[in-house]
Amino acid sequence: MRSRDLGRTILFRRDPKAGPQILYYVKLRFDSLALAQNDKGLEASSLTRFCPMSAALVLDRVTKRYGQGPAVLDGFAHAFAPGTTTALVGPNGSGKSTLLRLLMALAFPTAGTSRYGELDVHRSPYRYLRHVGIVHDAPRLPQHLTAVELLEWVLRQRGQWDDGAAARVEALLDTVLLDERRTQVIGTYSSGMLRKTQLAAALVAKPSVLLMDEPFRGLDTAATAAALDLVRAHIAAGGLAVLSSHRADLLDVLADETVTLGRVVEVVD
């Protein structure tokens, strides 16, 4: 069953494991989605004034520890500038994923602040995340949507669905080399197809900030080249990107600066 637009609700395909009467659905309140939980209830059209594409992502003396253990990040300070790609490198356990989770507003700092433009990342996460595209290390995507339906949902959530949106979705999926199986449910995808879908979902709404944890994992040579081109285009448009990857060869050609995490934080331009 294809998605059916029912005003402000989209009903998606049946969950084959849940019985014939169960439908997965996503409520899309186009005039207030995400803003209903927004800390100040701003109109969607006003959000762009807070974070122009030229805003920097600034961490000020950020510390993160888990429980009573030692600090994974201790007084970390850095400004991620627009128009640049920053690679996070370091050994396992050095804090790369922790730092990305903080930037994704998936974790809260023990101390310190993170700001994007005028927004405090952790005090105003809903407003901040409207400007962010995310590729998680482990792809957790809705299993009973197709890639096409997922990208439609992202655009509707961001208030960007219009007459040309369907064509833009198809063009982006072409760019990431996701083939005709884009109309099959995500639960049937290979690891490479999942990663392509993640990349497309992160970029389809033209975010200002791109945060990626191991974005090239599972991609073949052609898809990796396509992903690199997409990140470069994002940066050329004035966005900023922060990523972690074990592919040092790709970081060498993509990153404008490298932040080495561990006991000593080292920044190399």
C-alpha atoms as a PDB file:
ATOM      1  CA  MET A   1       0.000   0.000   0.000  1.00  0.00           C
ATOM      2  CA  ARG A   2       1.407   3.373  -0.963  1.00  0.00           C
ATOM      3  CA  SER A   3       1.242   6.307   1.418  1.00  0.00           C
ATOM      4  CA  ARG A   4      -2.066   8.148   1.355  1.00  0.00           C
ATOM      5  CA  ASP A   5      -2.216  11.847   2.164  1.00  0.00           C
ATOM      6  CA  LEU A   6      -5.212  12.343   4.433  1.00  0.00           C
ATOM      7  CA  GLY A   7      -5.057  16.045   5.183  1.00  0.00           C
ATOM      8  CA  ARG A   8      -2.704  16.309   8.109  1.00  0.00           C
ATOM      9  CA  THR A   9      -2.157  12.604   8.592  1.00  0.00           C
ATOM     10  CA  ILE A  10      -0.275  10.174   6.400  1.00  0.00           C
ATOM     11  CA  LEU A  11      -1.092   6.489   6.825  1.00  0.00           C
ATOM     12  CA  PHE A  12       1.690   4.162   5.758  1.00  0.00           C
ATOM     13  CA  ARG A  13       1.864   0.493   4.892  1.00  0.00           C
ATOM     14  CA  ARG A  14       0.789  -2.274   7.174  1.00  0.00           C
ATOM     15  CA  ASP A  15       3.238  -3.829   9.606  1.00  0.00           C
ATOM     16  CA  PRO A  16       3.284  -7.481   8.481  1.00  0.00           C
ATOM     17  CA  LYS A  17       4.230  -8.623  11.991  1.00  0.00           C
ATOM     18  CA  ALA A  18       1.510  -6.703  13.797  1.00  0.00           C
ATOM     19  CA  GLY A  19      -1.618  -8.103  12.169  1.00  0.00           C
ATOM     20  CA  PRO A  20      -3.909  -6.954   9.383  1.00  0.00           C
ATOM     21  CA  GLN A  21      -5.636  -4.203  11.343  1.00  0.00           C
ATOM     22  CA  ILE A  22      -2.499  -2.320  12.341  1.00  0.00           C
ATOM     23  CA  LEU A  23      -1.283   0.643  10.326  1.00  0.00           C
ATOM     24  CA  TYR A  24       1.832   2.608  11.030  1.00  0.00           C
ATOM     25  CA  TYR A  25       1.156   6.314  10.789  1.00  0.00           C
ATOM     26  CA  VAL A  26       2.884   9.632  11.165  1.00  0.00           C
ATOM     27  CA  LYS A  27       0.903  12.719  12.055  1.00  0.00           C
ATOM     28  CA  LEU A  28       2.117  15.668  10.017  1.00  0.00           C
ATOM     29  CA  ARG A  29       0.832  18.944  11.418  1.00  0.00           C
ATOM     30  CA  PHE A  30       2.227  21.155   8.713  1.00  0.00           C
ATOM     31  CA  ASP A  31       1.599  24.444  10.492  1.00  0.00           C
ATOM     32  CA  SER A  32       2.973  23.423  13.884  1.00  0.00           C
ATOM     33  CA  LEU A  33       4.907  20.147  13.663  1.00  0.00           C
ATOM     34  CA  ALA A  34       7.851  20.124  16.080  1.00  0.00           C
ATOM     35  CA  LEU A  35       6.871  23.650  17.160  1.00  0.00           C
ATOM     36  CA  ALA A  36       4.155  22.229  19.398  1.00  0.00           C
ATOM     37  CA  GLN A  37       7.018  21.037  21.594  1.00  0.00           C
ATOM     38  CA  ASN A  38       9.073  24.106  20.821  1.00  0.00           C
ATOM     39  CA  ASP A  39      10.120  25.994  23.941  1.00  0.00           C
ATOM     40  CA  LYS A  40       8.809  29.324  22.644  1.00  0.00           C
ATOM     41  CA  GLY A  41       6.164  28.237  20.160  1.00  0.00           C
ATOM     42  CA  LEU A  42       7.564  30.296  17.275  1.00  0.00           C
ATOM     43  CA  GLU A  43       6.076  30.172  13.817  1.00  0.00           C
ATOM     44  CA  ALA A  44       8.024  27.997  11.370  1.00  0.00           C
ATOM     45  CA  SER A  45       8.655  30.933   9.052  1.00  0.00           C
ATOM     46  CA  SER A  46      10.416  32.839  11.836  1.00  0.00           C
ATOM     47  CA  LEU A  47      12.896  30.104  12.714  1.00  0.00           C
ATOM     48  CA  THR A  48      15.277  30.861   9.888  1.00  0.00           C
ATOM     49  CA  ARG A  49      16.004  34.278  11.375  1.00  0.00           C
ATOM     50  CA  PHE A  50      17.750  32.684  14.337  1.00  0.00           C
ATOM     51  CA  CYS A  51      20.292  30.619  12.403  1.00  0.00           C
ATOM     52  CA  PRO A  52      21.409  31.914   9.030  1.00  0.00           C
ATOM     53  CA  MET A  53      23.628  29.639   6.957  1.00  0.00           C
ATOM     54  CA  SER A  54      26.634  31.665   8.154  1.00  0.00           C
ATOM     55  CA  ALA A  55      26.206  30.814  11.864  1.00  0.00           C
ATOM     56  CA  ALA A  56      29.010  29.006  13.695  1.00  0.00           C
ATOM     57  CA  LEU A  57      28.534  26.055  16.045  1.00  0.00           C
ATOM     58  CA  VAL A  58      30.442  26.966  19.208  1.00  0.00           C
ATOM     59  CA  LEU A  59      31.275  24.734  22.186  1.00  0.00           C
ATOM     60  CA  ASP A  60      32.442  26.555  25.299  1.00  0.00           C
ATOM     61  CA  ARG A  61      34.283  24.535  27.983  1.00  0.00           C
ATOM     62  CA  VAL A  62      32.126  21.462  27.494  1.00  0.00           C
ATOM     63  CA  THR A  63      32.647  18.554  29.879  1.00  0.00           C
ATOM     64  CA  LYS A  64      30.894  15.209  29.603  1.00  0.00           C
ATOM     65  CA  ARG A  65      31.177  12.309  32.001  1.00  0.00           C
ATOM     66  CA  TYR A  66      29.011   9.252  32.488  1.00  0.00           C
ATOM     67  CA  GLY A  67      28.047   8.566  36.086  1.00  0.00           C
ATOM     68  CA  GLN A  68      30.990   8.881  38.426  1.00  0.00           C
ATOM     69  CA  GLY A  69      33.519   7.888  35.767  1.00  0.00           C
ATOM     70  CA  PRO A  70      36.275  10.048  34.321  1.00  0.00           C
ATOM     71  CA  ALA A  71      35.390  12.833  31.905  1.00  0.00           C
ATOM     72  CA  VAL A  72      35.158  11.703  28.282  1.00  0.00           C
ATOM     73  CA  LEU A  73      35.379  15.360  27.284  1.00  0.00           C
ATOM     74  CA  ASP A  74      36.964  17.792  29.736  1.00  0.00           C
ATOM     75  CA  GLY A  75      36.617  21.524  29.103  1.00  0.00           C
ATOM     76  CA  PHE A  76      36.385  21.068  25.331  1.00  0.00           C
ATOM     77  CA  ALA A  77      36.164  24.362  23.454  1.00  0.00           C
ATOM     78  CA  HIS A  78      35.938  24.812  19.706  1.00  0.00           C
ATOM     79  CA  ALA A  79      34.129  26.831  17.047  1.00  0.00           C
ATOM     80  CA  PHE A  80      32.980  24.917  13.968  1.00  0.00           C
ATOM     81  CA  ALA A  81      32.894  27.524  11.219  1.00  0.00           C
ATOM     82  CA  PRO A  82      30.450  27.724   8.311  1.00  0.00           C
ATOM     83  CA  GLY A  83      31.899  26.735   4.973  1.00  0.00           C
ATOM     84  CA  THR A  84      34.187  24.124   6.557  1.00  0.00           C
ATOM     85  CA  THR A  85      34.275  20.379   7.146  1.00  0.00           C
ATOM     86  CA  THR A  86      35.770  19.272  10.462  1.00  0.00           C
ATOM     87  CA  ALA A  87      36.962  15.702  10.986  1.00  0.00           C
ATOM     88  CA  LEU A  88      36.983  14.262  14.512  1.00  0.00           C
ATOM     89  CA  VAL A  89      39.781  11.733  14.946  1.00  0.00           C
ATOM     90  CA  GLY A  90      41.244   9.780  17.818  1.00  0.00           C
ATOM     91  CA  PRO A  91      41.425   6.262  19.241  1.00  0.00           C
ATOM     92  CA  ASN A  92      38.380   4.305  20.352  1.00  0.00           C
ATOM     93  CA  GLY A  93      36.965   5.819  23.529  1.00  0.00           C
ATOM     94  CA  SER A  94      38.475   9.248  22.883  1.00  0.00           C
ATOM     95  CA  GLY A  95      35.064  10.962  22.760  1.00  0.00           C
ATOM     96  CA  LYS A  96      34.310  11.283  19.036  1.00  0.00           C
ATOM     97  CA  SER A  97      30.834   9.760  19.217  1.00  0.00           C
ATOM     98  CA  THR A  98      30.159  11.489  22.532  1.00  0.00           C
ATOM     99  CA  LEU A  99      30.953  14.857  20.980  1.00  0.00           C
ATOM    100  CA  LEU A 100      28.709  14.134  18.004  1.00  0.00           C
ATOM    101  CA  ARG A 101      25.882  13.036  20.311  1.00  0.00           C
ATOM    102  CA  LEU A 102      26.215  16.336  22.165  1.00  0.00           C
ATOM    103  CA  LEU A 103      26.060  18.247  18.881  1.00  0.00           C
ATOM    104  CA  MET A 104      23.023  16.168  17.858  1.00  0.00           C
ATOM    105  CA  ALA A 105      21.292  17.068  21.152  1.00  0.00           C
ATOM    106  CA  LEU A 106      21.099  13.356  21.975  1.00  0.00           C
ATOM    107  CA  ALA A 107      23.170  13.867  25.130  1.00  0.00           C
ATOM    108  CA  PHE A 108      23.513  16.722  27.597  1.00  0.00           C
ATOM    109  CA  PRO A 109      26.842  18.130  28.772  1.00  0.00           C
ATOM    110  CA  THR A 110      27.868  17.748  32.384  1.00  0.00           C
ATOM    111  CA  ALA A 111      29.150  21.322  32.198  1.00  0.00           C
ATOM    112  CA  GLY A 112      29.639  24.001  29.565  1.00  0.00           C
ATOM    113  CA  THR A 113      27.459  25.254  26.720  1.00  0.00           C
ATOM    114  CA  SER A 114      26.939  24.615  23.015  1.00  0.00           C
ATOM    115  CA  ARG A 115      25.497  27.339  20.809  1.00  0.00           C
ATOM    116  CA  TYR A 116      24.474  27.666  17.182  1.00  0.00           C
ATOM    117  CA  GLY A 117      24.036  31.306  16.297  1.00  0.00           C
ATOM    118  CA  GLU A 118      21.728  32.684  18.982  1.00  0.00           C
ATOM    119  CA  LEU A 119      20.435  29.259  19.988  1.00  0.00           C
ATOM    120  CA  ASP A 120      21.567  27.193  22.951  1.00  0.00           C
ATOM    121  CA  VAL A 121      21.707  23.671  21.532  1.00  0.00           C
ATOM    122  CA  HIS A 122      20.463  21.985  24.710  1.00  0.00           C
ATOM    123  CA  ARG A 123      18.016  24.622  25.934  1.00  0.00           C
ATOM    124  CA  SER A 124      16.343  25.034  22.530  1.00  0.00           C
ATOM    125  CA  PRO A 125      16.866  21.638  20.859  1.00  0.00           C
ATOM    126  CA  TYR A 126      13.726  21.697  18.692  1.00  0.00           C
ATOM    127  CA  ARG A 127      14.572  25.038  17.146  1.00  0.00           C
ATOM    128  CA  TYR A 128      18.219  24.049  16.700  1.00  0.00           C
ATOM    129  CA  LEU A 129      17.503  20.667  15.121  1.00  0.00           C
ATOM    130  CA  ARG A 130      15.388  22.242  12.385  1.00  0.00           C
ATOM    131  CA  HIS A 131      18.714  23.394  10.928  1.00  0.00           C
ATOM    132  CA  VAL A 132      20.535  20.067  11.287  1.00  0.00           C
ATOM    133  CA  GLY A 133      20.949  16.981   9.117  1.00  0.00           C
ATOM    134  CA  ILE A 134      22.151  13.841  10.919  1.00  0.00           C
ATOM    135  CA  VAL A 135      23.751  10.558   9.886  1.00  0.00           C
ATOM    136  CA  HIS A 136      23.922   8.228  12.887  1.00  0.00           C
ATOM    137  CA  ASP A 137      26.551   5.524  13.267  1.00  0.00           C
ATOM    138  CA  ALA A 138      23.857   2.846  13.531  1.00  0.00           C
ATOM    139  CA  PRO A 139      21.068   3.404  11.000  1.00  0.00           C
ATOM    140  CA  ARG A 140      17.774   3.443  12.891  1.00  0.00           C
ATOM    141  CA  LEU A 141      15.163   4.144  10.257  1.00  0.00           C
ATOM    142  CA  PRO A 142      11.431   3.351  10.235  1.00  0.00           C
ATOM    143  CA  GLN A 143      11.267  -0.170   8.887  1.00  0.00           C
ATOM    144  CA  HIS A 144       7.842   0.102   7.269  1.00  0.00           C
ATOM    145  CA  LEU A 145       8.413   3.226   5.186  1.00  0.00           C
ATOM    146  CA  THR A 146      10.142   3.367   1.845  1.00  0.00           C
ATOM    147  CA  ALA A 147      13.053   5.727   1.216  1.00  0.00           C
ATOM    148  CA  VAL A 148      10.732   7.927  -0.861  1.00  0.00           C
ATOM    149  CA  GLU A 149       8.179   8.107   1.949  1.00  0.00           C
ATOM    150  CA  LEU A 150      10.855   8.880   4.540  1.00  0.00           C
ATOM    151  CA  LEU A 151      12.214  11.815   2.553  1.00  0.00           C
ATOM    152  CA  GLU A 152       8.678  13.091   2.006  1.00  0.00           C
ATOM    153  CA  TRP A 153       8.107  12.979   5.751  1.00  0.00           C
ATOM    154  CA  VAL A 154      11.325  14.936   6.413  1.00  0.00           C
ATOM    155  CA  LEU A 155      10.344  17.662   3.946  1.00  0.00           C
ATOM    156  CA  ARG A 156       6.822  17.922   5.327  1.00  0.00           C
ATOM    157  CA  GLN A 157       8.178  18.146   8.857  1.00  0.00           C
ATOM    158  CA  ARG A 158      10.432  21.015   7.826  1.00  0.00           C
ATOM    159  CA  GLY A 159       7.598  22.766   5.970  1.00  0.00           C
ATOM    160  CA  GLN A 160       9.366  22.303   2.625  1.00  0.00           C
ATOM    161  CA  TRP A 161       6.904  20.099   0.748  1.00  0.00           C
ATOM    162  CA  ASP A 162       5.745  21.830  -2.431  1.00  0.00           C
ATOM    163  CA  ASP A 163       4.929  21.073  -6.066  1.00  0.00           C
ATOM    164  CA  GLY A 164       8.570  20.336  -6.920  1.00  0.00           C
ATOM    165  CA  ALA A 165       9.414  18.325  -3.805  1.00  0.00           C
ATOM    166  CA  ALA A 166       8.691  14.889  -5.256  1.00  0.00           C
ATOM    167  CA  ALA A 167      11.065  15.543  -8.153  1.00  0.00           C
ATOM    168  CA  ARG A 168      13.771  16.749  -5.745  1.00  0.00           C
ATOM    169  CA  VAL A 169      13.398  13.578  -3.698  1.00  0.00           C
ATOM    170  CA  GLU A 170      13.825  11.393  -6.778  1.00  0.00           C
ATOM    171  CA  ALA A 171      16.831  13.430  -7.941  1.00  0.00           C
ATOM    172  CA  LEU A 172      18.563  13.136  -4.565  1.00  0.00           C
ATOM    173  CA  LEU A 173      17.978   9.389  -4.411  1.00  0.00           C
ATOM    174  CA  ASP A 174      19.442   9.175  -7.913  1.00  0.00           C
ATOM    175  CA  THR A 175      22.488  11.099  -6.682  1.00  0.00           C
ATOM    176  CA  VAL A 176      23.129   8.725  -3.771  1.00  0.00           C
ATOM    177  CA  LEU A 177      22.662   5.812  -6.211  1.00  0.00           C
ATOM    178  CA  LEU A 178      19.690   4.256  -4.452  1.00  0.00           C
ATOM    179  CA  ASP A 179      18.080   2.190  -7.200  1.00  0.00           C
ATOM    180  CA  GLU A 180      14.488   1.218  -7.927  1.00  0.00           C
ATOM    181  CA  ARG A 181      14.267  -0.450  -4.518  1.00  0.00           C
ATOM    182  CA  ARG A 182      13.699   3.038  -3.104  1.00  0.00           C
ATOM    183  CA  THR A 183       9.978   2.163  -3.326  1.00  0.00           C
ATOM    184  CA  GLN A 184      10.413  -0.968  -1.202  1.00  0.00           C
ATOM    185  CA  VAL A 185      10.179  -0.832   2.585  1.00  0.00           C
ATOM    186  CA  ILE A 186      13.350   0.094   4.450  1.00  0.00           C
ATOM    187  CA  GLY A 187      13.196  -3.124   6.445  1.00  0.00           C
ATOM    188  CA  THR A 188      14.318  -4.992   3.311  1.00  0.00           C
ATOM    189  CA  TYR A 189      17.408  -2.811   2.663  1.00  0.00           C
ATOM    190  CA  SER A 190      21.047  -3.873   2.794  1.00  0.00           C
ATOM    191  CA  SER A 191      23.511  -1.953   4.978  1.00  0.00           C
ATOM    192  CA  GLY A 192      24.686   0.074   1.995  1.00  0.00           C
ATOM    193  CA  MET A 193      21.124   0.993   1.018  1.00  0.00           C
ATOM    194  CA  LEU A 194      20.397   2.038   4.596  1.00  0.00           C
ATOM    195  CA  ARG A 195      23.420   4.336   4.593  1.00  0.00           C
ATOM    196  CA  LYS A 196      22.374   5.878   1.265  1.00  0.00           C
ATOM    197  CA  THR A 197      18.910   6.506   2.670  1.00  0.00           C
ATOM    198  CA  GLN A 198      20.388   8.112   5.783  1.00  0.00           C
ATOM    199  CA  LEU A 199      22.529  10.447   3.699  1.00  0.00           C
ATOM    200  CA  ALA A 200      19.591  11.457   1.536  1.00  0.00           C
ATOM    201  CA  ALA A 201      17.363  12.047   4.582  1.00  0.00           C
ATOM    202  CA  ALA A 202      20.065  14.175   6.210  1.00  0.00           C
ATOM    203  CA  LEU A 203      20.469  16.406   3.154  1.00  0.00           C
ATOM    204  CA  VAL A 204      17.019  16.586   1.568  1.00  0.00           C
ATOM    205  CA  ALA A 205      15.886  19.621   3.606  1.00  0.00           C
ATOM    206  CA  LYS A 206      19.106  21.554   2.848  1.00  0.00           C
ATOM    207  CA  PRO A 207      20.277  21.863   6.484  1.00  0.00           C
ATOM    208  CA  SER A 208      22.813  24.415   7.649  1.00  0.00           C
ATOM    209  CA  VAL A 209      24.615  21.892   9.872  1.00  0.00           C
ATOM    210  CA  LEU A 210      25.547  18.352   8.822  1.00  0.00           C
ATOM    211  CA  LEU A 211      26.595  15.929  11.592  1.00  0.00           C
ATOM    212  CA  MET A 212      27.801  12.476  10.544  1.00  0.00           C
ATOM    213  CA  ASP A 213      29.120   9.485  12.471  1.00  0.00           C
ATOM    214  CA  GLU A 214      30.790   6.955  10.138  1.00  0.00           C
ATOM    215  CA  PRO A 215      28.830   8.141   7.065  1.00  0.00           C
ATOM    216  CA  PHE A 216      30.852   6.054   4.571  1.00  0.00           C
ATOM    217  CA  ARG A 217      30.447   2.715   6.301  1.00  0.00           C
ATOM    218  CA  GLY A 218      28.841   0.151   3.993  1.00  0.00           C
ATOM    219  CA  LEU A 219      29.139   2.278   0.851  1.00  0.00           C
ATOM    220  CA  ASP A 220      30.777   0.990  -2.312  1.00  0.00           C
ATOM    221  CA  THR A 221      33.280   3.066  -4.297  1.00  0.00           C
ATOM    222  CA  ALA A 222      30.718   4.809  -6.498  1.00  0.00           C
ATOM    223  CA  ALA A 223      28.383   5.615  -3.597  1.00  0.00           C
ATOM    224  CA  THR A 224      31.307   6.907  -1.516  1.00  0.00           C
ATOM    225  CA  ALA A 225      32.292   9.282  -4.322  1.00  0.00           C
ATOM    226  CA  ALA A 226      28.688  10.481  -4.544  1.00  0.00           C
ATOM    227  CA  ALA A 227      28.591  11.078  -0.781  1.00  0.00           C
ATOM    228  CA  LEU A 228      31.817  13.096  -0.917  1.00  0.00           C
ATOM    229  CA  ASP A 229      30.385  15.259  -3.699  1.00  0.00           C
ATOM    230  CA  LEU A 230      27.226  15.909  -1.674  1.00  0.00           C
ATOM    231  CA  VAL A 231      29.219  16.998   1.376  1.00  0.00           C
ATOM    232  CA  ARG A 232      31.365  19.279  -0.777  1.00  0.00           C
ATOM    233  CA  ALA A 233      28.239  20.846  -2.304  1.00  0.00           C
ATOM    234  CA  HIS A 234      26.833  21.408   1.187  1.00  0.00           C
ATOM    235  CA  ILE A 235      30.014  23.210   2.225  1.00  0.00           C
ATOM    236  CA  ALA A 236      30.143  25.242  -0.992  1.00  0.00           C
ATOM    237  CA  ALA A 237      26.629  26.495  -0.198  1.00  0.00           C
ATOM    238  CA  GLY A 238      27.872  27.863   3.132  1.00  0.00           C
ATOM    239  CA  GLY A 239      26.971  24.990   5.433  1.00  0.00           C
ATOM    240  CA  LEU A 240      29.204  23.365   8.014  1.00  0.00           C
ATOM    241  CA  ALA A 241      29.901  19.680   8.521  1.00  0.00           C
ATOM    242  CA  VAL A 242      31.342  17.716  11.434  1.00  0.00           C
ATOM    243  CA  LEU A 243      32.096  14.038  10.954  1.00  0.00           C
ATOM    244  CA  SER A 244      33.885  11.049  12.367  1.00  0.00           C
ATOM    245  CA  SER A 245      35.144   8.184  10.205  1.00  0.00           C
ATOM    246  CA  HIS A 246      37.748   5.450  10.297  1.00  0.00           C
ATOM    247  CA  ARG A 247      38.368   6.144   6.605  1.00  0.00           C
ATOM    248  CA  ALA A 248      41.456   8.301   7.069  1.00  0.00           C
ATOM    249  CA  ASP A 249      41.983   8.437   3.306  1.00  0.00           C
ATOM    250  CA  LEU A 250      38.605  10.121   2.850  1.00  0.00           C
ATOM    251  CA  LEU A 251      39.104  12.528   5.737  1.00  0.00           C
ATOM    252  CA  ASP A 252      42.385  13.656   4.199  1.00  0.00           C
ATOM    253  CA  VAL A 253      40.666  14.790   1.005  1.00  0.00           C
ATOM    254  CA  LEU A 254      37.453  16.095   2.566  1.00  0.00           C
ATOM    255  CA  ALA A 255      38.301  17.838   5.837  1.00  0.00           C
ATOM    256  CA  ASP A 256      39.323  21.482   6.113  1.00  0.00           C
ATOM    257  CA  GLU A 257      40.438  20.907   9.698  1.00  0.00           C
ATOM    258  CA  THR A 258      41.044  17.953  11.983  1.00  0.00           C
ATOM    259  CA  VAL A 259      40.237  17.852  15.689  1.00  0.00           C
ATOM    260  CA  THR A 260      42.136  15.091  17.484  1.00  0.00           C
ATOM    261  CA  LEU A 261      40.447  13.915  20.662  1.00  0.00           C
ATOM    262  CA  GLY A 262      42.053  12.095  23.549  1.00  0.00           C
ATOM    263  CA  ARG A 263      43.934  13.343  26.535  1.00  0.00           C
ATOM    264  CA  VAL A 264      45.001  16.432  24.597  1.00  0.00           C
ATOM    265  CA  VAL A 265      42.761  18.173  22.074  1.00  0.00           C
ATOM    266  CA  GLU A 266      44.720  19.151  18.978  1.00  0.00           C
ATOM    267  CA  VAL A 267      43.345  21.184  16.075  1.00  0.00           C
ATOM    268  CA  VAL A 268      45.095  21.046  12.688  1.00  0.00           C
ATOM    269  CA  ASP A 269      44.053  23.386   9.882  1.00  0.00           C
END
